[in-house]
Amino acid sequence: MHGPRCIEVAAELLEDADPKIRLAAAVALMDRGFGRPAQRIEGTENGTSVTALHLLAAQVVSEEIVSRMEQHAINGHAEPTNEKVTTMDLMRLPKPLE
């Protein structure tokens, strides 16, 4: 809805006297026209990066949340429960696979 006008405004800002504004407008237009550059994930000495570990942890937490939700669902409908789930419960990681 506002996309074309936003692009027009950004294009107009390319002519601004302030170089910071021109750069911000150019970056915004380039990001939308060509996409942002891919982020490399750097490995560490043992081959595992902090980013990869973060993504793995996020996946494990997401799976735990889904699992807990499914435990309280029957036929796709959530059942009320008296169990209080805390942030610490969600942060607990499952036992490693053997």
PDB file of N, CA and C in Angstrom:
ATOM      1  N   MET A   1       0.825  -1.187   0.000  1.00  0.00           N
ATOM      2  CA  MET A   1       0.000   0.000   0.000  1.00  0.00           C
ATOM      3  C   MET A   1       0.874   1.258   0.000  1.00  0.00           C
ATOM      4  N   HIS A   2       1.819   1.342   0.948  1.00  0.00           N
ATOM      5  CA  HIS A   2       2.689   2.522   1.033  1.00  0.00           C
ATOM      6  C   HIS A   2       4.047   2.267   0.383  1.00  0.00           C
ATOM      7  N   GLY A   3       4.276   1.049  -0.066  1.00  0.00           N
ATOM      8  CA  GLY A   3       5.570   0.673  -0.619  1.00  0.00           C
ATOM      9  C   GLY A   3       6.086   1.590  -1.708  1.00  0.00           C
ATOM     10  N   PRO A   4       5.291   1.834  -2.766  1.00  0.00           N
ATOM     11  CA  PRO A   4       5.794   2.697  -3.838  1.00  0.00           C
ATOM     12  C   PRO A   4       6.162   4.098  -3.350  1.00  0.00           C
ATOM     13  N   ARG A   5       5.360   4.658  -2.439  1.00  0.00           N
ATOM     14  CA  ARG A   5       5.664   6.002  -1.932  1.00  0.00           C
ATOM     15  C   ARG A   5       6.939   5.983  -1.087  1.00  0.00           C
ATOM     16  N   CYS A   6       7.125   4.932  -0.306  1.00  0.00           N
ATOM     17  CA  CYS A   6       8.336   4.828   0.516  1.00  0.00           C
ATOM     18  C   CYS A   6       9.575   4.763  -0.372  1.00  0.00           C
ATOM     19  N   ILE A   7       9.474   4.039  -1.462  1.00  0.00           N
ATOM     20  CA  ILE A   7      10.607   3.968  -2.393  1.00  0.00           C
ATOM     21  C   ILE A   7      10.869   5.334  -3.011  1.00  0.00           C
ATOM     22  N   GLU A   8       9.807   6.055  -3.360  1.00  0.00           N
ATOM     23  CA  GLU A   8       9.970   7.408  -3.901  1.00  0.00           C
ATOM     24  C   GLU A   8      10.684   8.318  -2.905  1.00  0.00           C
ATOM     25  N   VAL A   9      10.259   8.256  -1.641  1.00  0.00           N
ATOM     26  CA  VAL A   9      10.870   9.099  -0.610  1.00  0.00           C
ATOM     27  C   VAL A   9      12.341   8.745  -0.450  1.00  0.00           C
ATOM     28  N   ALA A  10      12.646   7.435  -0.392  1.00  0.00           N
ATOM     29  CA  ALA A  10      14.043   7.013  -0.252  1.00  0.00           C
ATOM     30  C   ALA A  10      14.862   7.487  -1.447  1.00  0.00           C
ATOM     31  N   ALA A  11      14.286   7.399  -2.646  1.00  0.00           N
ATOM     32  CA  ALA A  11      14.989   7.847  -3.843  1.00  0.00           C
ATOM     33  C   ALA A  11      15.233   9.357  -3.798  1.00  0.00           C
ATOM     34  N   GLU A  12      14.259  10.106  -3.290  1.00  0.00           N
ATOM     35  CA  GLU A  12      14.436  11.559  -3.157  1.00  0.00           C
ATOM     36  C   GLU A  12      15.548  11.888  -2.159  1.00  0.00           C
ATOM     37  N   LEU A  13      15.655  11.066  -1.106  1.00  0.00           N
ATOM     38  CA  LEU A  13      16.678  11.307  -0.083  1.00  0.00           C
ATOM     39  C   LEU A  13      18.088  11.068  -0.603  1.00  0.00           C
ATOM     40  N   LEU A  14      18.223  10.404  -1.738  1.00  0.00           N
ATOM     41  CA  LEU A  14      19.542  10.226  -2.345  1.00  0.00           C
ATOM     42  C   LEU A  14      20.155  11.566  -2.748  1.00  0.00           C
ATOM     43  N   GLU A  15      19.334  12.591  -2.862  1.00  0.00           N
ATOM     44  CA  GLU A  15      19.799  13.939  -3.240  1.00  0.00           C
ATOM     45  C   GLU A  15      19.978  14.854  -2.041  1.00  0.00           C
ATOM     46  N   ASP A  16      19.776  14.354  -0.831  1.00  0.00           N
ATOM     47  CA  ASP A  16      19.883  15.174   0.375  1.00  0.00           C
ATOM     48  C   ASP A  16      21.321  15.677   0.546  1.00  0.00           C
ATOM     49  N   ALA A  17      21.462  16.822   1.184  1.00  0.00           N
ATOM     50  CA  ALA A  17      22.790  17.400   1.415  1.00  0.00           C
ATOM     51  C   ALA A  17      23.592  16.622   2.456  1.00  0.00           C
ATOM     52  N   ASP A  18      22.909  15.973   3.378  1.00  0.00           N
ATOM     53  CA  ASP A  18      23.580  15.241   4.450  1.00  0.00           C
ATOM     54  C   ASP A  18      24.013  13.861   3.934  1.00  0.00           C
ATOM     55  N   PRO A  19      25.330  13.580   3.948  1.00  0.00           N
ATOM     56  CA  PRO A  19      25.802  12.287   3.440  1.00  0.00           C
ATOM     57  C   PRO A  19      25.263  11.092   4.232  1.00  0.00           C
ATOM     58  N   LYS A  20      24.982  11.284   5.529  1.00  0.00           N
ATOM     59  CA  LYS A  20      24.425  10.190   6.329  1.00  0.00           C
ATOM     60  C   LYS A  20      23.031   9.807   5.843  1.00  0.00           C
ATOM     61  N   ILE A  21      22.247  10.800   5.499  1.00  0.00           N
ATOM     62  CA  ILE A  21      20.899  10.536   4.985  1.00  0.00           C
ATOM     63  C   ILE A  21      20.982   9.879   3.612  1.00  0.00           C
ATOM     64  N   ARG A  22      21.889  10.362   2.759  1.00  0.00           N
ATOM     65  CA  ARG A  22      22.060   9.753   1.425  1.00  0.00           C
ATOM     66  C   ARG A  22      22.468   8.282   1.553  1.00  0.00           C
ATOM     67  N   LEU A  23      23.418   8.007   2.468  1.00  0.00           N
ATOM     68  CA  LEU A  23      23.875   6.629   2.654  1.00  0.00           C
ATOM     69  C   LEU A  23      22.742   5.741   3.165  1.00  0.00           C
ATOM     70  N   ALA A  24      21.981   6.215   4.150  1.00  0.00           N
ATOM     71  CA  ALA A  24      20.863   5.429   4.690  1.00  0.00           C
ATOM     72  C   ALA A  24      19.839   5.135   3.600  1.00  0.00           C
ATOM     73  N   ALA A  25      19.550   6.117   2.760  1.00  0.00           N
ATOM     74  CA  ALA A  25      18.595   5.916   1.665  1.00  0.00           C
ATOM     75  C   ALA A  25      19.141   4.909   0.661  1.00  0.00           C
ATOM     76  N   ALA A  26      20.418   5.017   0.338  1.00  0.00           N
ATOM     77  CA  ALA A  26      21.029   4.087  -0.619  1.00  0.00           C
ATOM     78  C   ALA A  26      21.008   2.657  -0.075  1.00  0.00           C
ATOM     79  N   VAL A  27      21.344   2.496   1.197  1.00  0.00           N
ATOM     80  CA  VAL A  27      21.341   1.159   1.805  1.00  0.00           C
ATOM     81  C   VAL A  27      19.925   0.582   1.801  1.00  0.00           C
ATOM     82  N   ALA A  28      18.937   1.398   2.156  1.00  0.00           N
ATOM     83  CA  ALA A  28      17.551   0.925   2.174  1.00  0.00           C
ATOM     84  C   ALA A  28      17.113   0.481   0.784  1.00  0.00           C
ATOM     85  N   LEU A  29      17.435   1.262  -0.227  1.00  0.00           N
ATOM     86  CA  LEU A  29      17.043   0.895  -1.591  1.00  0.00           C
ATOM     87  C   LEU A  29      17.789  -0.345  -2.072  1.00  0.00           C
ATOM     88  N   MET A  30      19.078  -0.444  -1.754  1.00  0.00           N
ATOM     89  CA  MET A  30      19.850  -1.622  -2.162  1.00  0.00           C
ATOM     90  C   MET A  30      19.337  -2.888  -1.464  1.00  0.00           C
ATOM     91  N   ASP A  31      19.025  -2.785  -0.167  1.00  0.00           N
ATOM     92  CA  ASP A  31      18.507  -3.943   0.561  1.00  0.00           C
ATOM     93  C   ASP A  31      17.208  -4.445  -0.054  1.00  0.00           C
ATOM     94  N   ARG A  32      16.367  -3.538  -0.459  1.00  0.00           N
ATOM     95  CA  ARG A  32      15.086  -3.940  -1.023  1.00  0.00           C
ATOM     96  C   ARG A  32      15.202  -4.374  -2.474  1.00  0.00           C
ATOM     97  N   GLY A  33      16.126  -3.790  -3.195  1.00  0.00           N
ATOM     98  CA  GLY A  33      16.279  -4.135  -4.601  1.00  0.00           C
ATOM     99  C   GLY A  33      17.084  -5.393  -4.850  1.00  0.00           C
ATOM    100  N   PHE A  34      18.110  -5.619  -4.039  1.00  0.00           N
ATOM    101  CA  PHE A  34      19.006  -6.749  -4.260  1.00  0.00           C
ATOM    102  C   PHE A  34      19.019  -7.735  -3.095  1.00  0.00           C
ATOM    103  N   GLY A  35      18.389  -7.391  -1.985  1.00  0.00           N
ATOM    104  CA  GLY A  35      18.404  -8.245  -0.794  1.00  0.00           C
ATOM    105  C   GLY A  35      19.663  -7.995   0.013  1.00  0.00           C
ATOM    106  N   ARG A  36      19.589  -8.332   1.255  1.00  0.00           N
ATOM    107  CA  ARG A  36      20.754  -8.156   2.125  1.00  0.00           C
ATOM    108  C   ARG A  36      21.759  -9.257   1.839  1.00  0.00           C
ATOM    109  N   PRO A  37      23.031  -8.967   2.003  1.00  0.00           N
ATOM    110  CA  PRO A  37      24.035 -10.003   1.766  1.00  0.00           C
ATOM    111  C   PRO A  37      23.910 -11.140   2.775  1.00  0.00           C
ATOM    112  N   ALA A  38      24.255 -12.343   2.343  1.00  0.00           N
ATOM    113  CA  ALA A  38      24.199 -13.510   3.219  1.00  0.00           C
ATOM    114  C   ALA A  38      25.209 -13.351   4.350  1.00  0.00           C
ATOM    115  N   GLN A  39      24.833 -13.812   5.535  1.00  0.00           N
ATOM    116  CA  GLN A  39      25.719 -13.759   6.688  1.00  0.00           C
ATOM    117  C   GLN A  39      26.499 -15.060   6.765  1.00  0.00           C
ATOM    118  N   ARG A  40      27.815 -14.969   6.776  1.00  0.00           N
ATOM    119  CA  ARG A  40      28.643 -16.162   6.932  1.00  0.00           C
ATOM    120  C   ARG A  40      28.635 -16.618   8.367  1.00  0.00           C
ATOM    121  N   ILE A  41      28.629 -17.922   8.561  1.00  0.00           N
ATOM    122  CA  ILE A  41      28.748 -18.480   9.904  1.00  0.00           C
ATOM    123  C   ILE A  41      30.168 -19.011  10.030  1.00  0.00           C
ATOM    124  N   GLU A  42      30.932 -18.372  10.899  1.00  0.00           N
ATOM    125  CA  GLU A  42      32.327 -18.743  11.097  1.00  0.00           C
ATOM    126  C   GLU A  42      32.427 -19.956  12.010  1.00  0.00           C
ATOM    127  N   GLY A  43      33.307 -20.873  11.690  1.00  0.00           N
ATOM    128  CA  GLY A  43      33.545 -22.035  12.543  1.00  0.00           C
ATOM    129  C   GLY A  43      34.613 -21.734  13.574  1.00  0.00           C
ATOM    130  N   THR A  44      34.641 -22.519  14.615  1.00  0.00           N
ATOM    131  CA  THR A  44      35.671 -22.395  15.631  1.00  0.00           C
ATOM    132  C   THR A  44      36.635 -23.560  15.465  1.00  0.00           C
ATOM    133  N   GLU A  45      37.569 -23.679  16.364  1.00  0.00           N
ATOM    134  CA  GLU A  45      38.572 -24.739  16.259  1.00  0.00           C
ATOM    135  C   GLU A  45      37.947 -26.130  16.207  1.00  0.00           C
ATOM    136  N   ASN A  46      36.887 -26.347  16.966  1.00  0.00           N
ATOM    137  CA  ASN A  46      36.271 -27.673  16.978  1.00  0.00           C
ATOM    138  C   ASN A  46      35.171 -27.800  15.924  1.00  0.00           C
ATOM    139  N   GLY A  47      35.014 -26.787  15.086  1.00  0.00           N
ATOM    140  CA  GLY A  47      34.054 -26.851  13.986  1.00  0.00           C
ATOM    141  C   GLY A  47      32.656 -26.382  14.325  1.00  0.00           C
ATOM    142  N   THR A  48      32.429 -25.920  15.547  1.00  0.00           N
ATOM    143  CA  THR A  48      31.107 -25.457  15.950  1.00  0.00           C
ATOM    144  C   THR A  48      31.158 -23.957  16.190  1.00  0.00           C
ATOM    145  N   SER A  49      30.248 -23.233  15.585  1.00  0.00           N
ATOM    146  CA  SER A  49      30.238 -21.784  15.776  1.00  0.00           C
ATOM    147  C   SER A  49      29.227 -21.400  16.848  1.00  0.00           C
ATOM    148  N   VAL A  50      29.410 -20.221  17.397  1.00  0.00           N
ATOM    149  CA  VAL A  50      28.472 -19.711  18.388  1.00  0.00           C
ATOM    150  C   VAL A  50      27.096 -19.552  17.746  1.00  0.00           C
ATOM    151  N   THR A  51      27.065 -19.083  16.512  1.00  0.00           N
ATOM    152  CA  THR A  51      25.783 -18.915  15.815  1.00  0.00           C
ATOM    153  C   THR A  51      25.092 -20.259  15.637  1.00  0.00           C
ATOM    154  N   ALA A  52      25.835 -21.277  15.242  1.00  0.00           N
ATOM    155  CA  ALA A  52      25.244 -22.605  15.062  1.00  0.00           C
ATOM    156  C   ALA A  52      24.711 -23.131  16.393  1.00  0.00           C
ATOM    157  N   LEU A  53      25.447 -22.917  17.477  1.00  0.00           N
ATOM    158  CA  LEU A  53      24.979 -23.358  18.789  1.00  0.00           C
ATOM    159  C   LEU A  53      23.716 -22.609  19.206  1.00  0.00           C
ATOM    160  N   HIS A  54      23.677 -21.303  18.910  1.00  0.00           N
ATOM    161  CA  HIS A  54      22.493 -20.502  19.222  1.00  0.00           C
ATOM    162  C   HIS A  54      21.282 -21.024  18.447  1.00  0.00           C
ATOM    163  N   LEU A  55      21.465 -21.304  17.165  1.00  0.00           N
ATOM    164  CA  LEU A  55      20.368 -21.824  16.351  1.00  0.00           C
ATOM    165  C   LEU A  55      19.913 -23.186  16.855  1.00  0.00           C
ATOM    166  N   LEU A  56      20.844 -24.027  17.247  1.00  0.00           N
ATOM    167  CA  LEU A  56      20.500 -25.345  17.787  1.00  0.00           C
ATOM    168  C   LEU A  56      19.710 -25.194  19.085  1.00  0.00           C
ATOM    169  N   ALA A  57      20.154 -24.302  19.963  1.00  0.00           N
ATOM    170  CA  ALA A  57      19.446 -24.079  21.225  1.00  0.00           C
ATOM    171  C   ALA A  57      18.035 -23.560  20.962  1.00  0.00           C
ATOM    172  N   ALA A  58      17.886 -22.650  20.012  1.00  0.00           N
ATOM    173  CA  ALA A  58      16.558 -22.124  19.672  1.00  0.00           C
ATOM    174  C   ALA A  58      15.662 -23.241  19.155  1.00  0.00           C
ATOM    175  N   GLN A  59      16.215 -24.137  18.359  1.00  0.00           N
ATOM    176  CA  GLN A  59      15.443 -25.253  17.833  1.00  0.00           C
ATOM    177  C   GLN A  59      14.985 -26.180  18.967  1.00  0.00           C
ATOM    178  N   VAL A  60      15.894 -26.477  19.887  1.00  0.00           N
ATOM    179  CA  VAL A  60      15.565 -27.362  21.009  1.00  0.00           C
ATOM    180  C   VAL A  60      14.458 -26.742  21.863  1.00  0.00           C
ATOM    181  N   VAL A  61      14.572 -25.449  22.154  1.00  0.00           N
ATOM    182  CA  VAL A  61      13.557 -24.769  22.956  1.00  0.00           C
ATOM    183  C   VAL A  61      12.218 -24.775  22.225  1.00  0.00           C
ATOM    184  N   SER A  62      12.228 -24.509  20.925  1.00  0.00           N
ATOM    185  CA  SER A  62      10.988 -24.523  20.143  1.00  0.00           C
ATOM    186  C   SER A  62      10.329 -25.893  20.178  1.00  0.00           C
ATOM    187  N   GLU A  63      11.131 -26.942  20.023  1.00  0.00           N
ATOM    188  CA  GLU A  63      10.589 -28.302  20.058  1.00  0.00           C
ATOM    189  C   GLU A  63      10.000 -28.618  21.433  1.00  0.00           C
ATOM    190  N   GLU A  64      10.644 -28.129  22.493  1.00  0.00           N
ATOM    191  CA  GLU A  64      10.135 -28.354  23.851  1.00  0.00           C
ATOM    192  C   GLU A  64       8.792 -27.649  24.036  1.00  0.00           C
ATOM    193  N   ILE A  65       8.666 -26.436  23.537  1.00  0.00           N
ATOM    194  CA  ILE A  65       7.405 -25.696  23.649  1.00  0.00           C
ATOM    195  C   ILE A  65       6.302 -26.435  22.904  1.00  0.00           C
ATOM    196  N   VAL A  66       6.586 -26.857  21.679  1.00  0.00           N
ATOM    197  CA  VAL A  66       5.589 -27.585  20.882  1.00  0.00           C
ATOM    198  C   VAL A  66       5.203 -28.877  21.590  1.00  0.00           C
ATOM    199  N   SER A  67       6.181 -29.588  22.134  1.00  0.00           N
ATOM    200  CA  SER A  67       5.919 -30.838  22.838  1.00  0.00           C
ATOM    201  C   SER A  67       4.992 -30.615  24.025  1.00  0.00           C
ATOM    202  N   ARG A  68       5.260 -29.578  24.802  1.00  0.00           N
ATOM    203  CA  ARG A  68       4.419 -29.287  25.970  1.00  0.00           C
ATOM    204  C   ARG A  68       3.004 -28.894  25.547  1.00  0.00           C
ATOM    205  N   MET A  69       2.900 -28.173  24.431  1.00  0.00           N
ATOM    206  CA  MET A  69       1.576 -27.789  23.943  1.00  0.00           C
ATOM    207  C   MET A  69       0.810 -29.018  23.471  1.00  0.00           C
ATOM    208  N   GLU A  70       1.497 -29.943  22.806  1.00  0.00           N
ATOM    209  CA  GLU A  70       0.845 -31.144  22.302  1.00  0.00           C
ATOM    210  C   GLU A  70       0.404 -32.060  23.432  1.00  0.00           C
ATOM    211  N   GLN A  71       1.111 -32.049  24.556  1.00  0.00           N
ATOM    212  CA  GLN A  71       0.733 -32.881  25.696  1.00  0.00           C
ATOM    213  C   GLN A  71      -0.623 -32.477  26.253  1.00  0.00           C
ATOM    214  N   HIS A  72      -1.007 -31.232  26.070  1.00  0.00           N
ATOM    215  CA  HIS A  72      -2.254 -30.727  26.627  1.00  0.00           C
ATOM    216  C   HIS A  72      -3.315 -30.520  25.552  1.00  0.00           C
ATOM    217  N   ALA A  73      -3.109 -31.110  24.374  1.00  0.00           N
ATOM    218  CA  ALA A  73      -4.074 -30.935  23.288  1.00  0.00           C
ATOM    219  C   ALA A  73      -4.744 -32.264  22.980  1.00  0.00           C
ATOM    220  N   ILE A  74      -6.042 -32.216  22.797  1.00  0.00           N
ATOM    221  CA  ILE A  74      -6.805 -33.380  22.377  1.00  0.00           C
ATOM    222  C   ILE A  74      -7.615 -32.946  21.162  1.00  0.00           C
ATOM    223  N   ASN A  75      -7.460 -33.682  20.067  1.00  0.00           N
ATOM    224  CA  ASN A  75      -8.156 -33.354  18.825  1.00  0.00           C
ATOM    225  C   ASN A  75      -7.911 -31.917  18.386  1.00  0.00           C
ATOM    226  N   GLY A  76      -6.713 -31.432  18.620  1.00  0.00           N
ATOM    227  CA  GLY A  76      -6.355 -30.095  18.156  1.00  0.00           C
ATOM    228  C   GLY A  76      -6.836 -28.969  19.035  1.00  0.00           C
ATOM    229  N   HIS A  77      -7.461 -29.282  20.179  1.00  0.00           N
ATOM    230  CA  HIS A  77      -7.947 -28.239  21.078  1.00  0.00           C
ATOM    231  C   HIS A  77      -7.157 -28.290  22.374  1.00  0.00           C
ATOM    232  N   ALA A  78      -6.688 -27.144  22.805  1.00  0.00           N
ATOM    233  CA  ALA A  78      -5.907 -27.087  24.039  1.00  0.00           C
ATOM    234  C   ALA A  78      -6.815 -27.347  25.228  1.00  0.00           C
ATOM    235  N   GLU A  79      -6.344 -28.176  26.126  1.00  0.00           N
ATOM    236  CA  GLU A  79      -7.089 -28.478  27.340  1.00  0.00           C
ATOM    237  C   GLU A  79      -6.529 -27.616  28.471  1.00  0.00           C
ATOM    238  N   PRO A  80      -7.392 -27.080  29.328  1.00  0.00           N
ATOM    239  CA  PRO A  80      -6.887 -26.297  30.451  1.00  0.00           C
ATOM    240  C   PRO A  80      -6.054 -27.172  31.376  1.00  0.00           C
ATOM    241  N   THR A  81      -5.078 -26.564  31.995  1.00  0.00           N
ATOM    242  CA  THR A  81      -4.223 -27.294  32.914  1.00  0.00           C
ATOM    243  C   THR A  81      -3.901 -26.413  34.104  1.00  0.00           C
ATOM    244  N   ASN A  82      -3.661 -27.042  35.226  1.00  0.00           N
ATOM    245  CA  ASN A  82      -3.257 -26.297  36.422  1.00  0.00           C
ATOM    246  C   ASN A  82      -1.744 -26.188  36.503  1.00  0.00           C
ATOM    247  N   GLU A  83      -1.036 -26.862  35.562  1.00  0.00           N
ATOM    248  CA  GLU A  83       0.425 -26.844  35.562  1.00  0.00           C
ATOM    249  C   GLU A  83       0.918 -25.449  35.182  1.00  0.00           C
ATOM    250  N   LYS A  84       1.783 -24.908  36.021  1.00  0.00           N
ATOM    251  CA  LYS A  84       2.361 -23.600  35.744  1.00  0.00           C
ATOM    252  C   LYS A  84       3.717 -23.809  35.082  1.00  0.00           C
ATOM    253  N   VAL A  85       3.875 -23.300  33.850  1.00  0.00           N
ATOM    254  CA  VAL A  85       5.132 -23.427  33.127  1.00  0.00           C
ATOM    255  C   VAL A  85       5.889 -22.117  33.283  1.00  0.00           C
ATOM    256  N   THR A  86       7.098 -22.205  33.803  1.00  0.00           N
ATOM    257  CA  THR A  86       7.907 -21.005  34.008  1.00  0.00           C
ATOM    258  C   THR A  86       8.943 -20.876  32.898  1.00  0.00           C
ATOM    259  N   THR A  87       9.551 -19.721  32.826  1.00  0.00           N
ATOM    260  CA  THR A  87      10.617 -19.501  31.850  1.00  0.00           C
ATOM    261  C   THR A  87      11.751 -20.479  32.073  1.00  0.00           C
ATOM    262  N   MET A  88      12.060 -20.771  33.323  1.00  0.00           N
ATOM    263  CA  MET A  88      13.133 -21.715  33.620  1.00  0.00           C
ATOM    264  C   MET A  88      12.795 -23.101  33.095  1.00  0.00           C
ATOM    265  N   ASP A  89      11.505 -23.487  33.153  1.00  0.00           N
ATOM    266  CA  ASP A  89      11.099 -24.784  32.604  1.00  0.00           C
ATOM    267  C   ASP A  89      11.410 -24.833  31.117  1.00  0.00           C
ATOM    268  N   LEU A  90      11.105 -23.753  30.419  1.00  0.00           N
ATOM    269  CA  LEU A  90      11.323 -23.716  28.975  1.00  0.00           C
ATOM    270  C   LEU A  90      12.805 -23.675  28.624  1.00  0.00           C
ATOM    271  N   MET A  91      13.622 -23.164  29.538  1.00  0.00           N
ATOM    272  CA  MET A  91      15.048 -23.052  29.266  1.00  0.00           C
ATOM    273  C   MET A  91      15.787 -24.376  29.509  1.00  0.00           C
ATOM    274  N   ARG A  92      15.175 -25.293  30.240  1.00  0.00           N
ATOM    275  CA  ARG A  92      15.823 -26.577  30.499  1.00  0.00           C
ATOM    276  C   ARG A  92      15.960 -27.356  29.211  1.00  0.00           C
ATOM    277  N   LEU A  93      17.128 -27.844  28.955  1.00  0.00           N
ATOM    278  CA  LEU A  93      17.374 -28.618  27.745  1.00  0.00           C
ATOM    279  C   LEU A  93      17.102 -30.077  28.021  1.00  0.00           C
ATOM    280  N   PRO A  94      16.577 -30.811  27.001  1.00  0.00           N
ATOM    281  CA  PRO A  94      16.371 -32.239  27.198  1.00  0.00           C
ATOM    282  C   PRO A  94      17.704 -32.966  27.325  1.00  0.00           C
ATOM    283  N   LYS A  95      17.655 -34.198  27.843  1.00  0.00           N
ATOM    284  CA  LYS A  95      18.862 -35.004  27.982  1.00  0.00           C
ATOM    285  C   LYS A  95      19.429 -35.276  26.596  1.00  0.00           C
ATOM    286  N   PRO A  96      20.765 -35.288  26.455  1.00  0.00           N
ATOM    287  CA  PRO A  96      21.370 -35.561  25.155  1.00  0.00           C
ATOM    288  C   PRO A  96      21.033 -36.970  24.664  1.00  0.00           C
ATOM    289  N   LEU A  97      20.949 -37.111  23.345  1.00  0.00           N
ATOM    290  CA  LEU A  97      20.699 -38.421  22.766  1.00  0.00           C
ATOM    291  C   LEU A  97      21.903 -39.312  22.985  1.00  0.00           C
ATOM    292  N   GLU A  98      21.661 -40.590  23.273  1.00  0.00           N
ATOM    293  CA  GLU A  98      22.767 -41.518  23.508  1.00  0.00           C
ATOM    294  C   GLU A  98      22.984 -42.390  22.297  1.00  0.00           C
TER     295      GLU A  98
END
